[in-house]
Amino acid sequence: MGGRKNPSSIVITGATGGIGNALARHYAAPGVSLCLTGRDRQRLEQIAEDCRQAGAEVVAAAVDVRDRDALYDALRGFDERTPVDLLIANAGVSAGLRAGGQRETDEEAERLADINYKGTINTVHALIDQMRARKSGHIAMVSSLAGMRALPEMPSYSATKAAIIAYGDSLRGWLKTDRIDITVICPGFVTSPMSARHIGPKPLEISAEKAAGIISRGLARRRSRIAFPWPLVFGIWLSKFLPPKIADLFMNGFAAEIEPDPRDWSK
């Protein structure tokens, strides 16, 4: 692994979110080509312009990861011009229990599955055949610590993030002979508009910029799993050895309510 060069052609989905935005700005530099996707066209163009000012060549594609055809067109068109070294499937949304322990709506649960899990598959499928043909590439998928240990107030979110971990583990075994590295990223609480809707304890919350630094260092080392912050990761690991009812007591300290996402997801 040590002889690999730094990625020079990078795709980041969900680039208008906290971690995606920070990663785009982290990688923006002369000699780097970025393909950034997001639904908020105005915000996406501003981030793209900032990355251009840092010296990167940038393609901004205002597409929804649920729109498979549009996503394929954007990512494959970029790959044809600048073969992708690093694909970061970062697009994701959150939802959870509301005030009084009211359940997620049917629409919220469906949206989480469509964006977090199916959107990740759409992103990977857009470029996986091209990477296999080249016998090179690196695919990173953003999950969550909630995928390693489900949060009681975020059942569907936790399930979709756990699915990404399982999907990544499967891809890693399948693609190792094609020399494609797979990394699953499991952040804890990262300051962002998404985390701002999480009303409750957010232990060891860090900035998106700090998270991007941790993630980029792990990706440079081609780590299979990047999970942080370490104290929470250790607590999750330890809980695996406890009876479920005892482990559940640990999770009671994270009780929260999740404010509804104010964005219009019908478009």
C-alpha atoms as a PDB file:
ATOM      1  CA  MET A   1       0.000   0.000   0.000  1.00  0.00           C
ATOM      2  CA  GLY A   2       2.854   2.363   0.756  1.00  0.00           C
ATOM      3  CA  GLY A   3       3.696   3.123  -2.881  1.00  0.00           C
ATOM      4  CA  ARG A   4       0.325   4.611  -3.794  1.00  0.00           C
ATOM      5  CA  LYS A   5       0.191   8.277  -4.693  1.00  0.00           C
ATOM      6  CA  ASN A   6      -2.258  10.773  -3.255  1.00  0.00           C
ATOM      7  CA  PRO A   7      -5.626  10.833  -5.056  1.00  0.00           C
ATOM      8  CA  SER A   8      -5.847  13.419  -7.821  1.00  0.00           C
ATOM      9  CA  SER A   9      -9.365  12.666  -9.092  1.00  0.00           C
ATOM     10  CA  ILE A  10     -11.980  12.595  -6.339  1.00  0.00           C
ATOM     11  CA  VAL A  11     -15.769  12.296  -6.226  1.00  0.00           C
ATOM     12  CA  ILE A  12     -17.631  13.458  -3.113  1.00  0.00           C
ATOM     13  CA  THR A  13     -21.399  13.073  -2.914  1.00  0.00           C
ATOM     14  CA  GLY A  14     -23.338  15.123  -0.407  1.00  0.00           C
ATOM     15  CA  ALA A  15     -20.737  17.883  -0.736  1.00  0.00           C
ATOM     16  CA  THR A  16     -23.113  20.532   0.598  1.00  0.00           C
ATOM     17  CA  GLY A  17     -23.344  18.855   4.012  1.00  0.00           C
ATOM     18  CA  GLY A  18     -20.988  19.334   6.942  1.00  0.00           C
ATOM     19  CA  ILE A  19     -18.490  16.517   6.357  1.00  0.00           C
ATOM     20  CA  GLY A  20     -18.799  16.624   2.553  1.00  0.00           C
ATOM     21  CA  ASN A  21     -18.151  20.356   2.470  1.00  0.00           C
ATOM     22  CA  ALA A  22     -15.151  20.033   4.777  1.00  0.00           C
ATOM     23  CA  LEU A  23     -13.704  17.131   2.752  1.00  0.00           C
ATOM     24  CA  ALA A  24     -14.094  19.060  -0.509  1.00  0.00           C
ATOM     25  CA  ARG A  25     -12.215  22.030   0.910  1.00  0.00           C
ATOM     26  CA  HIS A  26      -9.582  19.737   2.461  1.00  0.00           C
ATOM     27  CA  TYR A  27      -8.763  18.042  -0.845  1.00  0.00           C
ATOM     28  CA  ALA A  28      -8.992  21.173  -3.009  1.00  0.00           C
ATOM     29  CA  ALA A  29      -5.494  21.966  -4.310  1.00  0.00           C
ATOM     30  CA  PRO A  30      -3.612  22.479  -7.573  1.00  0.00           C
ATOM     31  CA  GLY A  31      -3.451  19.268  -9.586  1.00  0.00           C
ATOM     32  CA  VAL A  32      -6.637  17.858  -8.034  1.00  0.00           C
ATOM     33  CA  SER A  33      -9.889  17.330  -9.942  1.00  0.00           C
ATOM     34  CA  LEU A  34     -13.066  17.222  -7.862  1.00  0.00           C
ATOM     35  CA  CYS A  35     -16.571  16.128  -8.763  1.00  0.00           C
ATOM     36  CA  LEU A  36     -18.952  17.420  -6.106  1.00  0.00           C
ATOM     37  CA  THR A  37     -22.626  16.524  -5.918  1.00  0.00           C
ATOM     38  CA  GLY A  38     -25.496  17.873  -3.844  1.00  0.00           C
ATOM     39  CA  ARG A  39     -29.120  18.957  -4.129  1.00  0.00           C
ATOM     40  CA  ASP A  40     -28.690  22.609  -3.116  1.00  0.00           C
ATOM     41  CA  ARG A  41     -27.442  24.090  -6.399  1.00  0.00           C
ATOM     42  CA  GLN A  42     -26.617  27.536  -4.984  1.00  0.00           C
ATOM     43  CA  ARG A  43     -24.660  26.188  -2.027  1.00  0.00           C
ATOM     44  CA  LEU A  44     -22.941  23.615  -4.215  1.00  0.00           C
ATOM     45  CA  GLU A  45     -21.754  26.288  -6.656  1.00  0.00           C
ATOM     46  CA  GLN A  46     -20.361  28.381  -3.807  1.00  0.00           C
ATOM     47  CA  ILE A  47     -18.394  25.438  -2.410  1.00  0.00           C
ATOM     48  CA  ALA A  48     -17.178  24.560  -5.894  1.00  0.00           C
ATOM     49  CA  GLU A  49     -15.990  28.120  -6.474  1.00  0.00           C
ATOM     50  CA  ASP A  50     -14.130  28.146  -3.147  1.00  0.00           C
ATOM     51  CA  CYS A  51     -12.405  24.902  -4.169  1.00  0.00           C
ATOM     52  CA  ARG A  52     -11.468  26.424  -7.526  1.00  0.00           C
ATOM     53  CA  GLN A  53      -9.947  29.375  -5.694  1.00  0.00           C
ATOM     54  CA  ALA A  54      -7.786  26.830  -3.834  1.00  0.00           C
ATOM     55  CA  GLY A  55      -6.473  25.599  -7.190  1.00  0.00           C
ATOM     56  CA  ALA A  56      -8.621  22.551  -7.885  1.00  0.00           C
ATOM     57  CA  GLU A  57     -10.503  21.811 -11.069  1.00  0.00           C
ATOM     58  CA  VAL A  58     -14.129  21.293 -10.068  1.00  0.00           C
ATOM     59  CA  VAL A  59     -17.240  19.820 -11.638  1.00  0.00           C
ATOM     60  CA  ALA A  60     -20.371  20.610  -9.635  1.00  0.00           C
ATOM     61  CA  ALA A  61     -23.331  18.334 -10.341  1.00  0.00           C
ATOM     62  CA  ALA A  62     -26.635  19.249  -8.695  1.00  0.00           C
ATOM     63  CA  VAL A  63     -28.057  15.729  -8.610  1.00  0.00           C
ATOM     64  CA  ASP A  64     -29.921  13.635  -6.062  1.00  0.00           C
ATOM     65  CA  VAL A  65     -28.382  10.235  -5.278  1.00  0.00           C
ATOM     66  CA  ARG A  66     -31.894   8.774  -5.564  1.00  0.00           C
ATOM     67  CA  ASP A  67     -31.873   9.693  -9.274  1.00  0.00           C
ATOM     68  CA  ARG A  68     -29.752   6.813 -10.534  1.00  0.00           C
ATOM     69  CA  ASP A  69     -29.658   7.878 -14.179  1.00  0.00           C
ATOM     70  CA  ALA A  70     -28.622  11.468 -13.454  1.00  0.00           C
ATOM     71  CA  LEU A  71     -26.037  10.304 -10.933  1.00  0.00           C
ATOM     72  CA  TYR A  72     -24.574   7.782 -13.371  1.00  0.00           C
ATOM     73  CA  ASP A  73     -24.336  10.418 -16.095  1.00  0.00           C
ATOM     74  CA  ALA A  74     -22.551  12.901 -13.819  1.00  0.00           C
ATOM     75  CA  LEU A  75     -20.065  10.487 -12.245  1.00  0.00           C
ATOM     76  CA  ARG A  76     -19.303   8.491 -15.377  1.00  0.00           C
ATOM     77  CA  GLY A  77     -18.846  11.629 -17.449  1.00  0.00           C
ATOM     78  CA  PHE A  78     -16.339  12.911 -14.896  1.00  0.00           C
ATOM     79  CA  ASP A  79     -14.563   9.535 -14.788  1.00  0.00           C
ATOM     80  CA  GLU A  80     -14.186   9.478 -18.568  1.00  0.00           C
ATOM     81  CA  ARG A  81     -12.286  12.776 -18.429  1.00  0.00           C
ATOM     82  CA  THR A  82     -10.320  12.149 -15.233  1.00  0.00           C
ATOM     83  CA  PRO A  83     -10.355   8.504 -14.049  1.00  0.00           C
ATOM     84  CA  VAL A  84     -11.459   8.527 -10.418  1.00  0.00           C
ATOM     85  CA  ASP A  85      -8.924   7.531  -7.755  1.00  0.00           C
ATOM     86  CA  LEU A  86     -11.147   8.109  -4.728  1.00  0.00           C
ATOM     87  CA  LEU A  87     -14.929   7.858  -4.516  1.00  0.00           C
ATOM     88  CA  ILE A  88     -16.487   9.108  -1.268  1.00  0.00           C
ATOM     89  CA  ALA A  89     -20.154   8.149  -0.904  1.00  0.00           C
ATOM     90  CA  ASN A  90     -21.070  10.696   1.729  1.00  0.00           C
ATOM     91  CA  ALA A  91     -24.644  11.781   0.940  1.00  0.00           C
ATOM     92  CA  GLY A  92     -26.972  11.051   3.830  1.00  0.00           C
ATOM     93  CA  VAL A  93     -29.873  12.330   5.903  1.00  0.00           C
ATOM     94  CA  SER A  94     -31.169  11.752   9.411  1.00  0.00           C
ATOM     95  CA  ALA A  95     -34.496  11.376  11.171  1.00  0.00           C
ATOM     96  CA  GLY A  96     -35.677   9.901  14.427  1.00  0.00           C
ATOM     97  CA  LEU A  97     -38.162   9.955  17.253  1.00  0.00           C
ATOM     98  CA  ARG A  98     -39.976  13.186  17.895  1.00  0.00           C
ATOM     99  CA  ALA A  99     -41.225  14.863  21.060  1.00  0.00           C
ATOM    100  CA  GLY A 100     -42.914  12.415  23.382  1.00  0.00           C
ATOM    101  CA  GLY A 101     -41.282   9.438  21.708  1.00  0.00           C
ATOM    102  CA  GLN A 102     -43.471   9.672  18.609  1.00  0.00           C
ATOM    103  CA  ARG A 103     -42.237   7.393  15.840  1.00  0.00           C
ATOM    104  CA  GLU A 104     -40.677   8.422  12.565  1.00  0.00           C
ATOM    105  CA  THR A 105     -43.161   8.991   9.777  1.00  0.00           C
ATOM    106  CA  ASP A 106     -43.458   6.424   7.008  1.00  0.00           C
ATOM    107  CA  GLU A 107     -42.044   8.987   4.585  1.00  0.00           C
ATOM    108  CA  GLU A 108     -39.001   9.635   6.793  1.00  0.00           C
ATOM    109  CA  ALA A 109     -38.193   5.933   7.119  1.00  0.00           C
ATOM    110  CA  GLU A 110     -38.504   5.448   3.374  1.00  0.00           C
ATOM    111  CA  ARG A 111     -36.343   8.500   2.638  1.00  0.00           C
ATOM    112  CA  LEU A 112     -33.590   7.235   4.937  1.00  0.00           C
ATOM    113  CA  ALA A 113     -33.501   3.900   3.123  1.00  0.00           C
ATOM    114  CA  ASP A 114     -33.581   5.552  -0.300  1.00  0.00           C
ATOM    115  CA  ILE A 115     -30.832   8.110   0.361  1.00  0.00           C
ATOM    116  CA  ASN A 116     -28.557   6.571   2.963  1.00  0.00           C
ATOM    117  CA  TYR A 117     -28.482   3.002   1.720  1.00  0.00           C
ATOM    118  CA  LYS A 118     -29.815   2.878  -1.835  1.00  0.00           C
ATOM    119  CA  GLY A 119     -28.075   6.168  -2.636  1.00  0.00           C
ATOM    120  CA  THR A 120     -24.777   4.669  -1.508  1.00  0.00           C
ATOM    121  CA  ILE A 121     -25.327   1.676  -3.773  1.00  0.00           C
ATOM    122  CA  ASN A 122     -26.176   3.989  -6.681  1.00  0.00           C
ATOM    123  CA  THR A 123     -22.962   5.923  -6.059  1.00  0.00           C
ATOM    124  CA  VAL A 124     -20.782   2.816  -5.926  1.00  0.00           C
ATOM    125  CA  HIS A 125     -22.427   1.175  -8.935  1.00  0.00           C
ATOM    126  CA  ALA A 126     -21.825   4.298 -11.005  1.00  0.00           C
ATOM    127  CA  LEU A 127     -18.056   3.693 -11.016  1.00  0.00           C
ATOM    128  CA  ILE A 128     -17.337   0.204  -9.748  1.00  0.00           C
ATOM    129  CA  ASP A 129     -17.064  -1.405 -13.193  1.00  0.00           C
ATOM    130  CA  GLN A 130     -14.646   1.277 -14.364  1.00  0.00           C
ATOM    131  CA  MET A 131     -12.422   0.802 -11.296  1.00  0.00           C
ATOM    132  CA  ARG A 132     -12.473  -2.964 -11.740  1.00  0.00           C
ATOM    133  CA  ALA A 133     -11.424  -2.602 -15.377  1.00  0.00           C
ATOM    134  CA  ARG A 134      -8.492  -0.398 -14.317  1.00  0.00           C
ATOM    135  CA  LYS A 135      -7.605  -2.679 -11.382  1.00  0.00           C
ATOM    136  CA  SER A 136      -7.299   0.368  -9.129  1.00  0.00           C
ATOM    137  CA  GLY A 137      -9.371   2.678  -7.014  1.00  0.00           C
ATOM    138  CA  HIS A 138     -10.524   3.501  -3.513  1.00  0.00           C
ATOM    139  CA  ILE A 139     -14.172   3.568  -2.413  1.00  0.00           C
ATOM    140  CA  ALA A 140     -15.106   5.163   0.902  1.00  0.00           C
ATOM    141  CA  MET A 141     -18.615   5.118   2.366  1.00  0.00           C
ATOM    142  CA  VAL A 142     -19.797   7.254   5.256  1.00  0.00           C
ATOM    143  CA  SER A 143     -21.683   5.277   7.876  1.00  0.00           C
ATOM    144  CA  SER A 144     -21.884   6.303  11.550  1.00  0.00           C
ATOM    145  CA  LEU A 145     -21.146   5.084  15.048  1.00  0.00           C
ATOM    146  CA  ALA A 146     -24.919   4.605  15.128  1.00  0.00           C
ATOM    147  CA  GLY A 147     -24.361   1.853  12.573  1.00  0.00           C
ATOM    148  CA  MET A 148     -22.009   0.111  14.990  1.00  0.00           C
ATOM    149  CA  ARG A 149     -24.385   0.531  17.963  1.00  0.00           C
ATOM    150  CA  ALA A 150     -27.921   1.630  17.181  1.00  0.00           C
ATOM    151  CA  LEU A 151     -29.283   4.753  18.861  1.00  0.00           C
ATOM    152  CA  PRO A 152     -32.716   4.108  20.427  1.00  0.00           C
ATOM    153  CA  GLU A 153     -34.082   7.424  19.184  1.00  0.00           C
ATOM    154  CA  MET A 154     -32.895   6.869  15.579  1.00  0.00           C
ATOM    155  CA  PRO A 155     -34.055   3.385  14.548  1.00  0.00           C
ATOM    156  CA  SER A 156     -34.233   3.752  10.758  1.00  0.00           C
ATOM    157  CA  TYR A 157     -31.135   5.945  10.580  1.00  0.00           C
ATOM    158  CA  SER A 158     -29.162   3.405  12.618  1.00  0.00           C
ATOM    159  CA  ALA A 159     -30.405   0.567  10.421  1.00  0.00           C
ATOM    160  CA  THR A 160     -29.345   2.268   7.190  1.00  0.00           C
ATOM    161  CA  LYS A 161     -25.920   3.062   8.602  1.00  0.00           C
ATOM    162  CA  ALA A 162     -25.495  -0.542   9.785  1.00  0.00           C
ATOM    163  CA  ALA A 163     -26.397  -1.648   6.261  1.00  0.00           C
ATOM    164  CA  ILE A 164     -23.571   0.477   4.863  1.00  0.00           C
ATOM    165  CA  ILE A 165     -21.093  -1.231   7.189  1.00  0.00           C
ATOM    166  CA  ALA A 166     -22.259  -4.666   6.024  1.00  0.00           C
ATOM    167  CA  TYR A 167     -22.208  -3.539   2.392  1.00  0.00           C
ATOM    168  CA  GLY A 168     -18.663  -2.218   2.757  1.00  0.00           C
ATOM    169  CA  ASP A 169     -17.448  -5.410   4.410  1.00  0.00           C
ATOM    170  CA  SER A 170     -18.897  -7.411   1.530  1.00  0.00           C
ATOM    171  CA  LEU A 171     -17.352  -5.157  -1.125  1.00  0.00           C
ATOM    172  CA  ARG A 172     -13.946  -5.382   0.535  1.00  0.00           C
ATOM    173  CA  GLY A 173     -13.958  -9.166   0.274  1.00  0.00           C
ATOM    174  CA  TRP A 174     -15.255  -9.130  -3.285  1.00  0.00           C
ATOM    175  CA  LEU A 175     -12.973  -6.440  -4.717  1.00  0.00           C
ATOM    176  CA  LYS A 176      -9.647  -7.275  -3.092  1.00  0.00           C
ATOM    177  CA  THR A 177      -8.490  -9.210  -6.159  1.00  0.00           C
ATOM    178  CA  ASP A 178      -9.252  -6.116  -8.271  1.00  0.00           C
ATOM    179  CA  ARG A 179      -6.938  -4.038  -6.052  1.00  0.00           C
ATOM    180  CA  ILE A 180      -9.786  -1.730  -5.035  1.00  0.00           C
ATOM    181  CA  ASP A 181      -9.619  -0.562  -1.427  1.00  0.00           C
ATOM    182  CA  ILE A 182     -12.805  -0.181   0.613  1.00  0.00           C
ATOM    183  CA  THR A 183     -13.129   2.094   3.628  1.00  0.00           C
ATOM    184  CA  VAL A 184     -16.175   2.453   5.865  1.00  0.00           C
ATOM    185  CA  ILE A 185     -16.210   5.709   7.838  1.00  0.00           C
ATOM    186  CA  CYS A 186     -18.051   5.793  11.169  1.00  0.00           C
ATOM    187  CA  PRO A 187     -18.064   9.290  12.688  1.00  0.00           C
ATOM    188  CA  GLY A 188     -19.557  10.232  16.023  1.00  0.00           C
ATOM    189  CA  PHE A 189     -21.190  13.625  16.485  1.00  0.00           C
ATOM    190  CA  VAL A 190     -19.904  16.171  13.970  1.00  0.00           C
ATOM    191  CA  THR A 191     -21.087  19.779  14.040  1.00  0.00           C
ATOM    192  CA  SER A 192     -23.408  20.331  11.084  1.00  0.00           C
ATOM    193  CA  PRO A 193     -26.999  21.328  10.285  1.00  0.00           C
ATOM    194  CA  MET A 194     -27.843  17.633  10.682  1.00  0.00           C
ATOM    195  CA  SER A 195     -26.428  17.410  14.197  1.00  0.00           C
ATOM    196  CA  ALA A 196     -28.124  20.703  15.123  1.00  0.00           C
ATOM    197  CA  ARG A 197     -31.461  18.890  14.787  1.00  0.00           C
ATOM    198  CA  HIS A 198     -30.322  16.325  17.360  1.00  0.00           C
ATOM    199  CA  ILE A 199     -31.759  17.730  20.599  1.00  0.00           C
ATOM    200  CA  GLY A 200     -29.962  15.937  23.400  1.00  0.00           C
ATOM    201  CA  PRO A 201     -26.472  14.903  24.483  1.00  0.00           C
ATOM    202  CA  LYS A 202     -23.790  14.951  21.784  1.00  0.00           C
ATOM    203  CA  PRO A 203     -20.705  13.683  23.613  1.00  0.00           C
ATOM    204  CA  LEU A 204     -17.295  14.544  22.191  1.00  0.00           C
ATOM    205  CA  GLU A 205     -18.798  16.459  19.269  1.00  0.00           C
ATOM    206  CA  ILE A 206     -16.121  17.794  16.908  1.00  0.00           C
ATOM    207  CA  SER A 207     -16.048  20.251  14.026  1.00  0.00           C
ATOM    208  CA  ALA A 208     -16.533  19.117  10.436  1.00  0.00           C
ATOM    209  CA  GLU A 209     -13.022  20.389   9.659  1.00  0.00           C
ATOM    210  CA  LYS A 210     -11.487  18.204  12.368  1.00  0.00           C
ATOM    211  CA  ALA A 211     -13.521  15.243  11.163  1.00  0.00           C
ATOM    212  CA  ALA A 212     -12.277  15.811   7.606  1.00  0.00           C
ATOM    213  CA  GLY A 213      -8.692  15.735   8.864  1.00  0.00           C
ATOM    214  CA  ILE A 214      -9.236  12.448  10.686  1.00  0.00           C
ATOM    215  CA  ILE A 215     -10.971  10.937   7.668  1.00  0.00           C
ATOM    216  CA  SER A 216      -8.357  12.072   5.145  1.00  0.00           C
ATOM    217  CA  ARG A 217      -5.504  10.665   7.240  1.00  0.00           C
ATOM    218  CA  GLY A 218      -7.293   7.328   7.518  1.00  0.00           C
ATOM    219  CA  LEU A 219      -7.993   7.277   3.791  1.00  0.00           C
ATOM    220  CA  ALA A 220      -4.346   8.014   3.029  1.00  0.00           C
ATOM    221  CA  ARG A 221      -3.471   4.876   5.004  1.00  0.00           C
ATOM    222  CA  ARG A 222      -6.178   2.909   3.150  1.00  0.00           C
ATOM    223  CA  ARG A 223      -7.770   1.845   6.425  1.00  0.00           C
ATOM    224  CA  SER A 224     -10.726  -0.496   6.181  1.00  0.00           C
ATOM    225  CA  ARG A 225     -12.547   1.267   9.002  1.00  0.00           C
ATOM    226  CA  ILE A 226     -12.248   4.844  10.248  1.00  0.00           C
ATOM    227  CA  ALA A 227     -14.223   5.264  13.475  1.00  0.00           C
ATOM    228  CA  PHE A 228     -14.009   8.188  15.871  1.00  0.00           C
ATOM    229  CA  PRO A 229     -13.862   9.579  18.509  1.00  0.00           C
ATOM    230  CA  TRP A 230     -11.911   6.803  20.177  1.00  0.00           C
ATOM    231  CA  PRO A 231     -13.607   6.907  23.633  1.00  0.00           C
ATOM    232  CA  LEU A 232     -17.016   6.282  22.063  1.00  0.00           C
ATOM    233  CA  VAL A 233     -15.610   3.605  19.752  1.00  0.00           C
ATOM    234  CA  PHE A 234     -14.099   1.854  22.769  1.00  0.00           C
ATOM    235  CA  GLY A 235     -17.407   2.070  24.645  1.00  0.00           C
ATOM    236  CA  ILE A 236     -19.249   0.518  21.691  1.00  0.00           C
ATOM    237  CA  TRP A 237     -16.647  -2.251  21.433  1.00  0.00           C
ATOM    238  CA  LEU A 238     -16.960  -2.937  25.167  1.00  0.00           C
ATOM    239  CA  SER A 239     -20.759  -3.059  24.985  1.00  0.00           C
ATOM    240  CA  LYS A 240     -20.513  -6.019  22.601  1.00  0.00           C
ATOM    241  CA  PHE A 241     -19.345  -8.165  25.518  1.00  0.00           C
ATOM    242  CA  LEU A 242     -22.235  -7.179  27.771  1.00  0.00           C
ATOM    243  CA  PRO A 243     -25.705  -8.727  27.934  1.00  0.00           C
ATOM    244  CA  PRO A 244     -28.030  -6.672  25.708  1.00  0.00           C
ATOM    245  CA  LYS A 245     -30.121  -5.366  28.609  1.00  0.00           C
ATOM    246  CA  ILE A 246     -26.991  -4.101  30.369  1.00  0.00           C
ATOM    247  CA  ALA A 247     -25.621  -2.553  27.191  1.00  0.00           C
ATOM    248  CA  ASP A 248     -28.960  -0.807  26.686  1.00  0.00           C
ATOM    249  CA  LEU A 249     -28.494   0.984  30.003  1.00  0.00           C
ATOM    250  CA  PHE A 250     -25.365   2.606  28.589  1.00  0.00           C
ATOM    251  CA  MET A 251     -27.381   3.938  25.654  1.00  0.00           C
ATOM    252  CA  ASN A 252     -29.938   5.576  27.960  1.00  0.00           C
ATOM    253  CA  GLY A 253     -27.467   8.403  28.479  1.00  0.00           C
ATOM    254  CA  PHE A 254     -27.865   9.400  24.827  1.00  0.00           C
ATOM    255  CA  ALA A 255     -31.641   9.927  24.891  1.00  0.00           C
ATOM    256  CA  ALA A 256     -32.659  12.679  22.475  1.00  0.00           C
ATOM    257  CA  GLU A 257     -35.334  14.032  20.163  1.00  0.00           C
ATOM    258  CA  ILE A 258     -34.707  14.602  16.468  1.00  0.00           C
ATOM    259  CA  GLU A 259     -36.272  17.695  14.943  1.00  0.00           C
ATOM    260  CA  PRO A 260     -37.861  17.109  11.512  1.00  0.00           C
ATOM    261  CA  ASP A 261     -35.758  17.929   8.459  1.00  0.00           C
ATOM    262  CA  PRO A 262     -37.177  21.208   7.109  1.00  0.00           C
ATOM    263  CA  ARG A 263     -36.037  20.612   3.522  1.00  0.00           C
ATOM    264  CA  ASP A 264     -38.400  19.651   0.735  1.00  0.00           C
ATOM    265  CA  TRP A 265     -37.468  16.089  -0.241  1.00  0.00           C
ATOM    266  CA  SER A 266     -40.233  15.637  -2.798  1.00  0.00           C
ATOM    267  CA  LYS A 267     -38.103  17.217  -5.537  1.00  0.00           C
END
